[in-house]
Amino acid sequence: RFRVEDIVAEPLIIHREARDVSGDGRSRPSGQAKLD
């Protein structure tokens, strides 16, 4: 269901404290963190 970008980034997002949770229940970063 998810793009390669989300699959590879998921461990990084899970192990970061500052993150947003979108409506589908998956944690996602915002702002500059997305570019990084």
ModelCIF file with pLDDT and N, C-alpha, C, O atoms, coordinates in Angstrom:
data_MODEL
#
_entry.id   MODEL 
#
_entity.id                         1 
_entity.type                       polymer 
_entity.pdbx_number_of_molecules   1 
#
_entity_poly.entity_id                      1 
_entity_poly.type                           'polypeptide(L)' 
_entity_poly.nstd_linkage                   no 
_entity_poly.nstd_monomer                   no 
_entity_poly.pdbx_seq_one_letter_code       RFRVEDIVAEPLIIHREARDVSGDGRSRPSGQAKLD 
_entity_poly.pdbx_seq_one_letter_code_can   RFRVEDIVAEPLIIHREARDVSGDGRSRPSGQAKLD 
_entity_poly.pdbx_strand_id                 A 
#
loop_
_entity_poly_seq.entity_id 
_entity_poly_seq.num 
_entity_poly_seq.mon_id 
_entity_poly_seq.hetero 
1 1  ARG n 
1 2  PHE n 
1 3  ARG n 
1 4  VAL n 
1 5  GLU n 
1 6  ASP n 
1 7  ILE n 
1 8  VAL n 
1 9  ALA n 
1 10 GLU n 
1 11 PRO n 
1 12 LEU n 
1 13 ILE n 
1 14 ILE n 
1 15 HIS n 
1 16 ARG n 
1 17 GLU n 
1 18 ALA n 
1 19 ARG n 
1 20 ASP n 
1 21 VAL n 
1 22 SER n 
1 23 GLY n 
1 24 ASP n 
1 25 GLY n 
1 26 ARG n 
1 27 SER n 
1 28 ARG n 
1 29 PRO n 
1 30 SER n 
1 31 GLY n 
1 32 GLN n 
1 33 ALA n 
1 34 LYS n 
1 35 LEU n 
1 36 ASP n 
#
_struct_asym.id          A 
_struct_asym.entity_id   1 
#
loop_
_ma_qa_metric.id 
_ma_qa_metric.mode 
_ma_qa_metric.name 
_ma_qa_metric.software_group_id 
_ma_qa_metric.type 
1 global pLDDT . pLDDT 
2 local  pLDDT . pLDDT 
#
_ma_qa_metric_global.metric_id      1 
_ma_qa_metric_global.metric_value   71.83 
_ma_qa_metric_global.model_id       1 
_ma_qa_metric_global.ordinal_id     1 
#
loop_
_ma_qa_metric_local.label_asym_id 
_ma_qa_metric_local.label_comp_id 
_ma_qa_metric_local.label_seq_id 
_ma_qa_metric_local.metric_id 
_ma_qa_metric_local.metric_value 
_ma_qa_metric_local.model_id 
_ma_qa_metric_local.ordinal_id 
A ARG 1  2 94.00 1 1  
A PHE 2  2 94.00 1 2  
A ARG 3  2 96.00 1 3  
A VAL 4  2 97.00 1 4  
A GLU 5  2 95.00 1 5  
A ASP 6  2 94.00 1 6  
A ILE 7  2 96.00 1 7  
A VAL 8  2 96.00 1 8  
A ALA 9  2 94.00 1 9  
A GLU 10 2 92.00 1 10 
A PRO 11 2 92.00 1 11 
A LEU 12 2 90.00 1 12 
A ILE 13 2 88.00 1 13 
A ILE 14 2 85.00 1 14 
A HIS 15 2 78.00 1 15 
A ARG 16 2 71.00 1 16 
A GLU 17 2 37.00 1 17 
A ALA 18 2 35.00 1 18 
A ARG 19 2 47.00 1 19 
A ASP 20 2 47.00 1 20 
A VAL 21 2 42.00 1 21 
A SER 22 2 47.00 1 22 
A GLY 23 2 44.00 1 23 
A ASP 24 2 52.00 1 24 
A GLY 25 2 51.00 1 25 
A ARG 26 2 56.00 1 26 
A SER 27 2 54.00 1 27 
A ARG 28 2 56.00 1 28 
A PRO 29 2 58.00 1 29 
A SER 30 2 59.00 1 30 
A GLY 31 2 61.00 1 31 
A GLN 32 2 71.00 1 32 
A ALA 33 2 72.00 1 33 
A LYS 34 2 79.00 1 34 
A LEU 35 2 81.00 1 35 
A ASP 36 2 85.00 1 36 
#
loop_
_atom_site.group_PDB 
_atom_site.id 
_atom_site.type_symbol 
_atom_site.label_atom_id 
_atom_site.label_alt_id 
_atom_site.label_comp_id 
_atom_site.label_asym_id 
_atom_site.label_entity_id 
_atom_site.label_seq_id 
_atom_site.pdbx_PDB_ins_code 
_atom_site.Cartn_x 
_atom_site.Cartn_y 
_atom_site.Cartn_z 
_atom_site.occupancy 
_atom_site.B_iso_or_equiv 
_atom_site.pdbx_formal_charge 
_atom_site.auth_seq_id 
_atom_site.auth_comp_id 
_atom_site.auth_asym_id 
_atom_site.auth_atom_id 
_atom_site.pdbx_PDB_model_num 
ATOM 1   N N  . ARG A 1 1  ? 0.805  -1.221 0.000  1.00 94.00 ? 1  ARG A N  1 
ATOM 2   C CA . ARG A 1 1  ? 0.000  0.000  0.000  1.00 94.00 ? 1  ARG A CA 1 
ATOM 3   C C  . ARG A 1 1  ? 0.836  1.267  0.000  1.00 94.00 ? 1  ARG A C  1 
ATOM 4   O O  . ARG A 1 1  ? 0.306  2.351  -0.247 1.00 94.00 ? 1  ARG A O  1 
ATOM 5   N N  . PHE A 1 2  ? 2.119  1.159  0.269  1.00 94.00 ? 2  PHE A N  1 
ATOM 6   C CA . PHE A 1 2  ? 2.935  2.351  0.470  1.00 94.00 ? 2  PHE A CA 1 
ATOM 7   C C  . PHE A 1 2  ? 4.085  2.424  -0.514 1.00 94.00 ? 2  PHE A C  1 
ATOM 8   O O  . PHE A 1 2  ? 4.600  1.404  -0.972 1.00 94.00 ? 2  PHE A O  1 
ATOM 9   N N  . ARG A 1 3  ? 4.470  3.625  -0.823 1.00 96.00 ? 3  ARG A N  1 
ATOM 10  C CA . ARG A 1 3  ? 5.575  3.857  -1.738 1.00 96.00 ? 3  ARG A CA 1 
ATOM 11  C C  . ARG A 1 3  ? 6.892  3.455  -1.073 1.00 96.00 ? 3  ARG A C  1 
ATOM 12  O O  . ARG A 1 3  ? 6.988  3.349  0.150  1.00 96.00 ? 3  ARG A O  1 
ATOM 13  N N  . VAL A 1 4  ? 7.889  3.239  -1.906 1.00 97.00 ? 4  VAL A N  1 
ATOM 14  C CA . VAL A 1 4  ? 9.217  2.858  -1.418 1.00 97.00 ? 4  VAL A CA 1 
ATOM 15  C C  . VAL A 1 4  ? 9.759  3.903  -0.443 1.00 97.00 ? 4  VAL A C  1 
ATOM 16  O O  . VAL A 1 4  ? 10.396 3.553  0.550  1.00 97.00 ? 4  VAL A O  1 
ATOM 17  N N  . GLU A 1 5  ? 9.514  5.156  -0.714 1.00 95.00 ? 5  GLU A N  1 
ATOM 18  C CA . GLU A 1 5  ? 9.978  6.235  0.171  1.00 95.00 ? 5  GLU A CA 1 
ATOM 19  C C  . GLU A 1 5  ? 9.466  6.037  1.599  1.00 95.00 ? 5  GLU A C  1 
ATOM 20  O O  . GLU A 1 5  ? 10.224 6.185  2.559  1.00 95.00 ? 5  GLU A O  1 
ATOM 21  N N  . ASP A 1 6  ? 8.192  5.705  1.737  1.00 94.00 ? 6  ASP A N  1 
ATOM 22  C CA . ASP A 1 6  ? 7.610  5.510  3.063  1.00 94.00 ? 6  ASP A CA 1 
ATOM 23  C C  . ASP A 1 6  ? 8.140  4.247  3.728  1.00 94.00 ? 6  ASP A C  1 
ATOM 24  O O  . ASP A 1 6  ? 8.364  4.223  4.938  1.00 94.00 ? 6  ASP A O  1 
ATOM 25  N N  . ILE A 1 7  ? 8.341  3.197  2.933  1.00 96.00 ? 7  ILE A N  1 
ATOM 26  C CA . ILE A 1 7  ? 8.817  1.920  3.471  1.00 96.00 ? 7  ILE A CA 1 
ATOM 27  C C  . ILE A 1 7  ? 10.220 2.071  4.040  1.00 96.00 ? 7  ILE A C  1 
ATOM 28  O O  . ILE A 1 7  ? 10.492 1.627  5.155  1.00 96.00 ? 7  ILE A O  1 
ATOM 29  N N  . VAL A 1 8  ? 11.114 2.698  3.276  1.00 96.00 ? 8  VAL A N  1 
ATOM 30  C CA . VAL A 1 8  ? 12.506 2.837  3.708  1.00 96.00 ? 8  VAL A CA 1 
ATOM 31  C C  . VAL A 1 8  ? 12.631 3.822  4.868  1.00 96.00 ? 8  VAL A C  1 
ATOM 32  O O  . VAL A 1 8  ? 13.467 3.642  5.754  1.00 96.00 ? 8  VAL A O  1 
ATOM 33  N N  . ALA A 1 9  ? 11.795 4.866  4.857  1.00 94.00 ? 9  ALA A N  1 
ATOM 34  C CA . ALA A 1 9  ? 11.882 5.899  5.899  1.00 94.00 ? 9  ALA A CA 1 
ATOM 35  C C  . ALA A 1 9  ? 11.232 5.473  7.211  1.00 94.00 ? 9  ALA A C  1 
ATOM 36  O O  . ALA A 1 9  ? 11.498 6.074  8.252  1.00 94.00 ? 9  ALA A O  1 
ATOM 37  N N  . GLU A 1 10 ? 10.385 4.448  7.180  1.00 92.00 ? 10 GLU A N  1 
ATOM 38  C CA . GLU A 1 10 ? 9.603  4.097  8.367  1.00 92.00 ? 10 GLU A CA 1 
ATOM 39  C C  . GLU A 1 10 ? 10.439 3.867  9.624  1.00 92.00 ? 10 GLU A C  1 
ATOM 40  O O  . GLU A 1 10 ? 10.069 4.383  10.679 1.00 92.00 ? 10 GLU A O  1 
ATOM 41  N N  . PRO A 1 11 ? 11.556 3.115  9.572  1.00 92.00 ? 11 PRO A N  1 
ATOM 42  C CA . PRO A 1 11 ? 12.350 2.953  10.809 1.00 92.00 ? 11 PRO A CA 1 
ATOM 43  C C  . PRO A 1 11 ? 12.862 4.272  11.356 1.00 92.00 ? 11 PRO A C  1 
ATOM 44  O O  . PRO A 1 11 ? 12.920 4.457  12.572 1.00 92.00 ? 11 PRO A O  1 
ATOM 45  N N  . LEU A 1 12 ? 13.237 5.198  10.467 1.00 90.00 ? 12 LEU A N  1 
ATOM 46  C CA . LEU A 1 12 ? 13.724 6.504  10.912 1.00 90.00 ? 12 LEU A CA 1 
ATOM 47  C C  . LEU A 1 12 ? 12.628 7.290  11.614 1.00 90.00 ? 12 LEU A C  1 
ATOM 48  O O  . LEU A 1 12 ? 12.876 7.954  12.621 1.00 90.00 ? 12 LEU A O  1 
ATOM 49  N N  . ILE A 1 13 ? 11.417 7.211  11.078 1.00 88.00 ? 13 ILE A N  1 
ATOM 50  C CA . ILE A 1 13 ? 10.293 7.948  11.673 1.00 88.00 ? 13 ILE A CA 1 
ATOM 51  C C  . ILE A 1 13 ? 9.914  7.349  13.023 1.00 88.00 ? 13 ILE A C  1 
ATOM 52  O O  . ILE A 1 13 ? 9.677  8.077  13.986 1.00 88.00 ? 13 ILE A O  1 
ATOM 53  N N  . ILE A 1 14 ? 9.858  6.038  13.088 1.00 85.00 ? 14 ILE A N  1 
ATOM 54  C CA . ILE A 1 14 ? 9.472  5.360  14.329 1.00 85.00 ? 14 ILE A CA 1 
ATOM 55  C C  . ILE A 1 14 ? 10.421 5.716  15.464 1.00 85.00 ? 14 ILE A C  1 
ATOM 56  O O  . ILE A 1 14 ? 9.990  5.879  16.606 1.00 85.00 ? 14 ILE A O  1 
ATOM 57  N N  . HIS A 1 15 ? 11.710 5.837  15.159 1.00 78.00 ? 15 HIS A N  1 
ATOM 58  C CA . HIS A 1 15 ? 12.705 6.065  16.208 1.00 78.00 ? 15 HIS A CA 1 
ATOM 59  C C  . HIS A 1 15 ? 13.022 7.534  16.429 1.00 78.00 ? 15 HIS A C  1 
ATOM 60  O O  . HIS A 1 15 ? 14.016 7.864  17.075 1.00 78.00 ? 15 HIS A O  1 
ATOM 61  N N  . ARG A 1 16 ? 12.176 8.430  15.893 1.00 71.00 ? 16 ARG A N  1 
ATOM 62  C CA . ARG A 1 16 ? 12.331 9.856  16.182 1.00 71.00 ? 16 ARG A CA 1 
ATOM 63  C C  . ARG A 1 16 ? 11.182 10.305 17.054 1.00 71.00 ? 16 ARG A C  1 
ATOM 64  O O  . ARG A 1 16 ? 10.046 9.866  16.877 1.00 71.00 ? 16 ARG A O  1 
ATOM 65  N N  . GLU A 1 17 ? 11.479 11.176 17.991 1.00 37.00 ? 17 GLU A N  1 
ATOM 66  C CA . GLU A 1 17 ? 10.452 11.619 18.926 1.00 37.00 ? 17 GLU A CA 1 
ATOM 67  C C  . GLU A 1 17 ? 9.506  12.646 18.291 1.00 37.00 ? 17 GLU A C  1 
ATOM 68  O O  . GLU A 1 17 ? 8.294  12.574 18.496 1.00 37.00 ? 17 GLU A O  1 
ATOM 69  N N  . ALA A 1 18 ? 10.043 13.589 17.532 1.00 35.00 ? 18 ALA A N  1 
ATOM 70  C CA . ALA A 1 18 ? 9.222  14.659 16.944 1.00 35.00 ? 18 ALA A CA 1 
ATOM 71  C C  . ALA A 1 18 ? 8.630  14.187 15.624 1.00 35.00 ? 18 ALA A C  1 
ATOM 72  O O  . ALA A 1 18 ? 9.351  14.075 14.632 1.00 35.00 ? 18 ALA A O  1 
ATOM 73  N N  . ARG A 1 19 ? 7.346  13.912 15.594 1.00 47.00 ? 19 ARG A N  1 
ATOM 74  C CA . ARG A 1 19 ? 6.693  13.460 14.385 1.00 47.00 ? 19 ARG A CA 1 
ATOM 75  C C  . ARG A 1 19 ? 5.200  13.739 14.487 1.00 47.00 ? 19 ARG A C  1 
ATOM 76  O O  . ARG A 1 19 ? 4.667  13.918 15.582 1.00 47.00 ? 19 ARG A O  1 
ATOM 77  N N  . ASP A 1 20 ? 4.535  13.774 13.348 1.00 47.00 ? 20 ASP A N  1 
ATOM 78  C CA . ASP A 1 20 ? 3.093  13.932 13.284 1.00 47.00 ? 20 ASP A CA 1 
ATOM 79  C C  . ASP A 1 20 ? 2.476  12.595 12.922 1.00 47.00 ? 20 ASP A C  1 
ATOM 80  O O  . ASP A 1 20 ? 3.136  11.742 12.328 1.00 47.00 ? 20 ASP A O  1 
ATOM 81  N N  . VAL A 1 21 ? 1.225  12.409 13.274 1.00 42.00 ? 21 VAL A N  1 
ATOM 82  C CA . VAL A 1 21 ? 0.503  11.203 12.889 1.00 42.00 ? 21 VAL A CA 1 
ATOM 83  C C  . VAL A 1 21 ? -0.626 11.618 11.972 1.00 42.00 ? 21 VAL A C  1 
ATOM 84  O O  . VAL A 1 21 ? -1.510 12.380 12.363 1.00 42.00 ? 21 VAL A O  1 
ATOM 85  N N  . SER A 1 22 ? -0.592 11.110 10.739 1.00 47.00 ? 22 SER A N  1 
ATOM 86  C CA . SER A 1 22 ? -1.612 11.488 9.760  1.00 47.00 ? 22 SER A CA 1 
ATOM 87  C C  . SER A 1 22 ? -2.890 10.718 10.015 1.00 47.00 ? 22 SER A C  1 
ATOM 88  O O  . SER A 1 22 ? -2.956 9.872  10.907 1.00 47.00 ? 22 SER A O  1 
ATOM 89  N N  . GLY A 1 23 ? -3.901 11.020 9.225  1.00 44.00 ? 23 GLY A N  1 
ATOM 90  C CA . GLY A 1 23 ? -5.207 10.411 9.420  1.00 44.00 ? 23 GLY A CA 1 
ATOM 91  C C  . GLY A 1 23 ? -5.235 8.919  9.195  1.00 44.00 ? 23 GLY A C  1 
ATOM 92  O O  . GLY A 1 23 ? -6.126 8.238  9.701  1.00 44.00 ? 23 GLY A O  1 
ATOM 93  N N  . ASP A 1 24 ? -4.263 8.384  8.432  1.00 52.00 ? 24 ASP A N  1 
ATOM 94  C CA . ASP A 1 24 ? -4.269 6.938  8.193  1.00 52.00 ? 24 ASP A CA 1 
ATOM 95  C C  . ASP A 1 24 ? -3.547 6.153  9.274  1.00 52.00 ? 24 ASP A C  1 
ATOM 96  O O  . ASP A 1 24 ? -3.390 4.938  9.155  1.00 52.00 ? 24 ASP A O  1 
ATOM 97  N N  . GLY A 1 25 ? -3.110 6.827  10.321 1.00 51.00 ? 25 GLY A N  1 
ATOM 98  C CA . GLY A 1 25 ? -2.479 6.143  11.447 1.00 51.00 ? 25 GLY A CA 1 
ATOM 99  C C  . GLY A 1 25 ? -0.972 5.970  11.320 1.00 51.00 ? 25 GLY A C  1 
ATOM 100 O O  . GLY A 1 25 ? -0.338 5.441  12.233 1.00 51.00 ? 25 GLY A O  1 
ATOM 101 N N  . ARG A 1 26 ? -0.384 6.405  10.208 1.00 56.00 ? 26 ARG A N  1 
ATOM 102 C CA . ARG A 1 26 ? 1.061  6.270  10.030 1.00 56.00 ? 26 ARG A CA 1 
ATOM 103 C C  . ARG A 1 26 ? 1.761  7.542  10.495 1.00 56.00 ? 26 ARG A C  1 
ATOM 104 O O  . ARG A 1 26 ? 1.333  8.654  10.185 1.00 56.00 ? 26 ARG A O  1 
ATOM 105 N N  . SER A 1 27 ? 2.850  7.356  11.248 1.00 54.00 ? 27 SER A N  1 
ATOM 106 C CA . SER A 1 27 ? 3.630  8.500  11.693 1.00 54.00 ? 27 SER A CA 1 
ATOM 107 C C  . SER A 1 27 ? 4.369  9.096  10.505 1.00 54.00 ? 27 SER A C  1 
ATOM 108 O O  . SER A 1 27 ? 4.948  8.370  9.696  1.00 54.00 ? 27 SER A O  1 
ATOM 109 N N  . ARG A 1 28 ? 4.348  10.432 10.402 1.00 56.00 ? 28 ARG A N  1 
ATOM 110 C CA . ARG A 1 28 ? 5.071  11.104 9.330  1.00 56.00 ? 28 ARG A CA 1 
ATOM 111 C C  . ARG A 1 28 ? 5.720  12.375 9.865  1.00 56.00 ? 28 ARG A C  1 
ATOM 112 O O  . ARG A 1 28 ? 5.151  13.043 10.728 1.00 56.00 ? 28 ARG A O  1 
ATOM 113 N N  . PRO A 1 29 ? 6.898  12.713 9.366  1.00 58.00 ? 29 PRO A N  1 
ATOM 114 C CA . PRO A 1 29 ? 7.561  13.945 9.795  1.00 58.00 ? 29 PRO A CA 1 
ATOM 115 C C  . PRO A 1 29 ? 6.947  15.143 9.082  1.00 58.00 ? 29 PRO A C  1 
ATOM 116 O O  . PRO A 1 29 ? 6.133  14.981 8.174  1.00 58.00 ? 29 PRO A O  1 
ATOM 117 N N  . SER A 1 30 ? 7.338  16.341 9.495  1.00 59.00 ? 30 SER A N  1 
ATOM 118 C CA . SER A 1 30 ? 6.854  17.545 8.832  1.00 59.00 ? 30 SER A CA 1 
ATOM 119 C C  . SER A 1 30 ? 8.013  18.518 8.652  1.00 59.00 ? 30 SER A C  1 
ATOM 120 O O  . SER A 1 30 ? 9.075  18.374 9.259  1.00 59.00 ? 30 SER A O  1 
ATOM 121 N N  . GLY A 1 31 ? 7.773  19.530 7.786  1.00 61.00 ? 31 GLY A N  1 
ATOM 122 C CA . GLY A 1 31 ? 8.750  20.583 7.598  1.00 61.00 ? 31 GLY A CA 1 
ATOM 123 C C  . GLY A 1 31 ? 10.077 20.103 7.033  1.00 61.00 ? 31 GLY A C  1 
ATOM 124 O O  . GLY A 1 31 ? 10.122 19.279 6.120  1.00 61.00 ? 31 GLY A O  1 
ATOM 125 N N  . GLN A 1 32 ? 11.160 20.637 7.598  1.00 71.00 ? 32 GLN A N  1 
ATOM 126 C CA . GLN A 1 32 ? 12.506 20.333 7.134  1.00 71.00 ? 32 GLN A CA 1 
ATOM 127 C C  . GLN A 1 32 ? 12.825 18.854 7.264  1.00 71.00 ? 32 GLN A C  1 
ATOM 128 O O  . GLN A 1 32 ? 13.603 18.305 6.483  1.00 71.00 ? 32 GLN A O  1 
ATOM 129 N N  . ALA A 1 33 ? 12.217 18.212 8.260  1.00 72.00 ? 33 ALA A N  1 
ATOM 130 C CA . ALA A 1 33 ? 12.485 16.786 8.464  1.00 72.00 ? 33 ALA A CA 1 
ATOM 131 C C  . ALA A 1 33 ? 12.118 15.967 7.237  1.00 72.00 ? 33 ALA A C  1 
ATOM 132 O O  . ALA A 1 33 ? 12.768 14.962 6.950  1.00 72.00 ? 33 ALA A O  1 
ATOM 133 N N  . LYS A 1 34 ? 11.076 16.383 6.502  1.00 79.00 ? 34 LYS A N  1 
ATOM 134 C CA . LYS A 1 34 ? 10.684 15.665 5.290  1.00 79.00 ? 34 LYS A CA 1 
ATOM 135 C C  . LYS A 1 34 ? 11.787 15.724 4.245  1.00 79.00 ? 34 LYS A C  1 
ATOM 136 O O  . LYS A 1 34 ? 12.082 14.724 3.590  1.00 79.00 ? 34 LYS A O  1 
ATOM 137 N N  . LEU A 1 35 ? 12.390 16.884 4.090  1.00 81.00 ? 35 LEU A N  1 
ATOM 138 C CA . LEU A 1 35 ? 13.473 17.027 3.120  1.00 81.00 ? 35 LEU A CA 1 
ATOM 139 C C  . LEU A 1 35 ? 14.678 16.201 3.533  1.00 81.00 ? 35 LEU A C  1 
ATOM 140 O O  . LEU A 1 35 ? 15.317 15.562 2.697  1.00 81.00 ? 35 LEU A O  1 
ATOM 141 N N  . ASP A 1 36 ? 14.990 16.213 4.827  1.00 85.00 ? 36 ASP A N  1 
ATOM 142 C CA . ASP A 1 36 ? 16.113 15.420 5.328  1.00 85.00 ? 36 ASP A CA 1 
ATOM 143 C C  . ASP A 1 36 ? 15.868 13.927 5.108  1.00 85.00 ? 36 ASP A C  1 
ATOM 144 O O  . ASP A 1 36 ? 16.709 13.104 5.468  1.00 85.00 ? 36 ASP A O  1 
#
